[in-house]
Amino acid sequence: MSKIIVVGASGTIGRAVADLLGQTHQVIRVGNRQGDYTVDLSSKASIENVFEKIGPIDAAISAAGLSRVGKLGEASDDDILSGD
């Protein structure tokens, strides 16, 4: 069984990915506020720390990111770029 980290596993896409992979793999859910482990993606030390705690893995998937929710036709350029 593969050991897979899913970062952003509490979000809409990350949760679906983690749930699907969890059917056949060991999934470690990582998020900024909840999960098996938490991480601050703006901090290199936090990222290194979480990988040290988890140990060897077979794969890492990132579904993490910030975005604004609303109607596409009403989104400003800043709203669209905020998901970078």
N, C-alpha and C. Protein backbone atom coordinates (compact mmCIF):
# COMPACT_ATOMS: atom_id res chain seq x y z
N MET A 1 0.85 -1.18 0.00
CA MET A 1 0.00 0.00 0.00
C MET A 1 0.89 1.24 0.00
N SER A 2 0.63 2.14 -0.92
CA SER A 2 1.40 3.38 -1.02
C SER A 2 0.99 4.37 0.06
N LYS A 3 1.96 5.15 0.53
CA LYS A 3 1.73 6.20 1.53
C LYS A 3 1.75 7.53 0.77
N ILE A 4 0.59 8.21 0.76
CA ILE A 4 0.43 9.42 -0.03
C ILE A 4 -0.01 10.58 0.85
N ILE A 5 0.65 11.71 0.70
CA ILE A 5 0.26 12.95 1.38
C ILE A 5 -0.65 13.73 0.43
N VAL A 6 -1.79 14.21 0.95
CA VAL A 6 -2.64 15.12 0.20
C VAL A 6 -2.68 16.43 0.98
N VAL A 7 -2.04 17.45 0.42
CA VAL A 7 -2.04 18.78 1.03
C VAL A 7 -3.26 19.53 0.50
N GLY A 8 -4.02 20.11 1.39
CA GLY A 8 -5.27 20.75 1.00
C GLY A 8 -6.42 19.75 1.03
N ALA A 9 -6.28 18.72 1.85
CA ALA A 9 -7.25 17.62 1.88
C ALA A 9 -8.59 17.99 2.50
N SER A 10 -8.70 19.17 3.08
CA SER A 10 -9.99 19.56 3.66
C SER A 10 -10.81 20.42 2.71
N GLY A 11 -10.21 20.80 1.58
CA GLY A 11 -10.94 21.58 0.59
C GLY A 11 -11.80 20.70 -0.29
N THR A 12 -12.56 21.29 -1.14
CA THR A 12 -13.49 20.56 -2.00
C THR A 12 -12.78 19.54 -2.88
N ILE A 13 -11.77 19.97 -3.61
CA ILE A 13 -11.05 19.07 -4.51
C ILE A 13 -10.16 18.11 -3.72
N GLY A 14 -9.43 18.65 -2.75
CA GLY A 14 -8.53 17.82 -1.95
C GLY A 14 -9.26 16.72 -1.20
N ARG A 15 -10.43 17.01 -0.68
CA ARG A 15 -11.22 16.00 0.05
C ARG A 15 -11.62 14.87 -0.90
N ALA A 16 -12.06 15.24 -2.10
CA ALA A 16 -12.47 14.21 -3.07
C ALA A 16 -11.27 13.34 -3.47
N VAL A 17 -10.13 13.96 -3.70
CA VAL A 17 -8.91 13.22 -4.06
C VAL A 17 -8.51 12.29 -2.92
N ALA A 18 -8.47 12.81 -1.70
CA ALA A 18 -8.07 12.01 -0.54
C ALA A 18 -9.04 10.85 -0.31
N ASP A 19 -10.32 11.10 -0.44
CA ASP A 19 -11.32 10.04 -0.26
C ASP A 19 -11.14 8.94 -1.29
N LEU A 20 -10.93 9.31 -2.54
CA LEU A 20 -10.76 8.33 -3.60
C LEU A 20 -9.47 7.52 -3.39
N LEU A 21 -8.36 8.21 -3.15
CA LEU A 21 -7.09 7.53 -2.94
C LEU A 21 -7.12 6.66 -1.68
N GLY A 22 -7.86 7.10 -0.68
CA GLY A 22 -7.94 6.37 0.58
C GLY A 22 -8.57 4.99 0.44
N GLN A 23 -9.22 4.74 -0.67
CA GLN A 23 -9.82 3.42 -0.89
C GLN A 23 -8.76 2.34 -1.14
N THR A 24 -7.60 2.76 -1.63
CA THR A 24 -6.57 1.78 -1.98
C THR A 24 -5.18 2.14 -1.48
N HIS A 25 -5.04 3.28 -0.79
CA HIS A 25 -3.74 3.73 -0.33
C HIS A 25 -3.85 4.29 1.08
N GLN A 26 -2.72 4.39 1.75
CA GLN A 26 -2.66 5.09 3.03
C GLN A 26 -2.55 6.57 2.72
N VAL A 27 -3.54 7.35 3.11
CA VAL A 27 -3.56 8.78 2.82
C VAL A 27 -3.35 9.56 4.10
N ILE A 28 -2.40 10.50 4.04
CA ILE A 28 -2.16 11.42 5.14
C ILE A 28 -2.71 12.77 4.71
N ARG A 29 -3.70 13.26 5.43
CA ARG A 29 -4.36 14.53 5.10
C ARG A 29 -3.64 15.68 5.81
N VAL A 30 -3.24 16.66 5.01
CA VAL A 30 -2.51 17.81 5.53
C VAL A 30 -3.26 19.08 5.14
N GLY A 31 -3.45 19.97 6.09
CA GLY A 31 -4.13 21.22 5.82
C GLY A 31 -3.55 22.35 6.64
N ASN A 32 -4.03 23.55 6.38
CA ASN A 32 -3.51 24.68 7.15
C ASN A 32 -4.20 24.82 8.51
N ARG A 33 -5.41 24.26 8.66
CA ARG A 33 -6.11 24.35 9.94
C ARG A 33 -6.55 22.99 10.47
N GLN A 34 -6.67 22.00 9.60
CA GLN A 34 -7.13 20.69 10.06
C GLN A 34 -6.54 19.60 9.19
N GLY A 35 -6.62 18.39 9.69
CA GLY A 35 -6.07 17.23 9.00
C GLY A 35 -5.26 16.39 9.95
N ASP A 36 -4.64 15.36 9.42
CA ASP A 36 -3.76 14.53 10.24
C ASP A 36 -2.56 15.36 10.71
N TYR A 37 -2.14 16.29 9.87
CA TYR A 37 -1.06 17.24 10.18
C TYR A 37 -1.47 18.60 9.65
N THR A 38 -0.96 19.64 10.27
CA THR A 38 -1.20 20.99 9.76
C THR A 38 0.12 21.60 9.32
N VAL A 39 0.03 22.52 8.35
CA VAL A 39 1.22 23.14 7.79
C VAL A 39 0.89 24.57 7.37
N ASP A 40 1.87 25.44 7.51
CA ASP A 40 1.78 26.81 7.01
C ASP A 40 2.59 26.83 5.71
N LEU A 41 1.91 26.84 4.58
CA LEU A 41 2.59 26.78 3.29
C LEU A 41 3.42 28.01 2.97
N SER A 42 3.28 29.06 3.74
CA SER A 42 4.10 30.25 3.53
C SER A 42 5.43 30.15 4.30
N SER A 43 5.61 29.06 5.04
CA SER A 43 6.80 28.89 5.87
C SER A 43 7.57 27.64 5.46
N LYS A 44 8.78 27.84 4.95
CA LYS A 44 9.63 26.71 4.57
C LYS A 44 9.88 25.79 5.76
N ALA A 45 10.09 26.37 6.93
CA ALA A 45 10.34 25.57 8.14
C ALA A 45 9.14 24.70 8.48
N SER A 46 7.94 25.23 8.34
CA SER A 46 6.73 24.46 8.62
C SER A 46 6.58 23.30 7.65
N ILE A 47 6.88 23.55 6.39
CA ILE A 47 6.80 22.49 5.37
C ILE A 47 7.82 21.41 5.67
N GLU A 48 9.05 21.80 5.94
CA GLU A 48 10.09 20.82 6.26
C GLU A 48 9.72 20.02 7.51
N ASN A 49 9.16 20.69 8.51
CA ASN A 49 8.77 20.06 9.76
C ASN A 49 7.71 18.98 9.54
N VAL A 50 6.71 19.28 8.74
CA VAL A 50 5.64 18.30 8.53
C VAL A 50 6.17 17.07 7.78
N PHE A 51 7.06 17.28 6.82
CA PHE A 51 7.63 16.14 6.11
C PHE A 51 8.54 15.31 7.02
N GLU A 52 9.26 15.96 7.92
CA GLU A 52 10.09 15.23 8.88
C GLU A 52 9.22 14.39 9.81
N LYS A 53 8.10 14.95 10.27
CA LYS A 53 7.19 14.22 11.16
C LYS A 53 6.57 13.02 10.46
N ILE A 54 6.20 13.17 9.20
CA ILE A 54 5.51 12.11 8.47
C ILE A 54 6.48 11.00 8.06
N GLY A 55 7.68 11.36 7.71
CA GLY A 55 8.65 10.36 7.29
C GLY A 55 8.51 10.02 5.81
N PRO A 56 9.10 8.89 5.41
CA PRO A 56 9.10 8.53 3.99
C PRO A 56 7.69 8.39 3.42
N ILE A 57 7.54 8.86 2.19
CA ILE A 57 6.25 8.77 1.49
C ILE A 57 6.51 8.25 0.07
N ASP A 58 5.44 7.83 -0.57
CA ASP A 58 5.52 7.39 -1.96
C ASP A 58 5.09 8.47 -2.94
N ALA A 59 4.23 9.38 -2.49
CA ALA A 59 3.75 10.43 -3.38
C ALA A 59 3.19 11.59 -2.55
N ALA A 60 3.21 12.78 -3.15
CA ALA A 60 2.62 13.97 -2.53
C ALA A 60 1.76 14.65 -3.58
N ILE A 61 0.56 15.02 -3.17
CA ILE A 61 -0.38 15.72 -4.04
C ILE A 61 -0.77 17.02 -3.35
N SER A 62 -0.76 18.10 -4.10
CA SER A 62 -1.17 19.38 -3.53
C SER A 62 -2.44 19.87 -4.22
N ALA A 63 -3.47 20.04 -3.40
CA ALA A 63 -4.72 20.65 -3.86
C ALA A 63 -4.95 21.92 -3.04
N ALA A 64 -3.87 22.48 -2.52
CA ALA A 64 -3.94 23.64 -1.64
C ALA A 64 -3.95 24.92 -2.44
N GLY A 65 -4.60 25.89 -1.90
CA GLY A 65 -4.59 27.21 -2.51
C GLY A 65 -5.72 28.05 -1.99
N LEU A 66 -5.59 29.33 -2.19
CA LEU A 66 -6.62 30.26 -1.78
C LEU A 66 -7.39 30.71 -3.01
N SER A 67 -8.66 30.92 -2.83
CA SER A 67 -9.46 31.46 -3.93
C SER A 67 -10.63 32.23 -3.35
N ARG A 68 -11.17 33.08 -4.15
CA ARG A 68 -12.36 33.83 -3.75
C ARG A 68 -13.56 33.20 -4.42
N VAL A 69 -14.67 33.19 -3.72
CA VAL A 69 -15.87 32.56 -4.23
C VAL A 69 -16.85 33.63 -4.68
N GLY A 70 -17.43 33.43 -5.83
CA GLY A 70 -18.42 34.35 -6.34
C GLY A 70 -18.72 34.06 -7.80
N LYS A 71 -19.56 34.88 -8.40
CA LYS A 71 -19.93 34.70 -9.80
C LYS A 71 -18.79 35.16 -10.69
N LEU A 72 -18.45 34.34 -11.69
CA LEU A 72 -17.33 34.64 -12.56
C LEU A 72 -17.49 35.99 -13.24
N GLY A 73 -18.69 36.30 -13.70
CA GLY A 73 -18.92 37.57 -14.39
C GLY A 73 -18.74 38.79 -13.52
N GLU A 74 -18.75 38.59 -12.21
CA GLU A 74 -18.59 39.70 -11.27
C GLU A 74 -17.18 39.76 -10.67
N ALA A 75 -16.31 38.85 -11.09
CA ALA A 75 -14.96 38.79 -10.53
C ALA A 75 -14.08 39.88 -11.12
N SER A 76 -13.32 40.53 -10.26
CA SER A 76 -12.34 41.52 -10.72
C SER A 76 -11.05 40.80 -11.12
N ASP A 77 -10.14 41.52 -11.73
CA ASP A 77 -8.84 40.94 -12.06
C ASP A 77 -8.14 40.47 -10.80
N ASP A 78 -8.23 41.23 -9.72
CA ASP A 78 -7.62 40.83 -8.45
C ASP A 78 -8.22 39.54 -7.91
N ASP A 79 -9.54 39.38 -8.05
CA ASP A 79 -10.19 38.16 -7.60
C ASP A 79 -9.64 36.95 -8.36
N ILE A 80 -9.49 37.09 -9.65
CA ILE A 80 -9.01 35.98 -10.48
C ILE A 80 -7.55 35.67 -10.17
N LEU A 81 -6.73 36.70 -9.99
CA LEU A 81 -5.32 36.50 -9.71
C LEU A 81 -5.05 36.01 -8.30
N SER A 82 -6.02 36.13 -7.40
CA SER A 82 -5.80 35.72 -6.01
C SER A 82 -5.59 34.21 -5.89
N GLY A 83 -5.98 33.45 -6.88
CA GLY A 83 -5.81 32.00 -6.84
C GLY A 83 -4.47 31.52 -7.30
N ASP A 84 -3.54 32.45 -7.63
CA ASP A 84 -2.22 32.05 -8.09
C ASP A 84 -1.48 31.27 -7.04
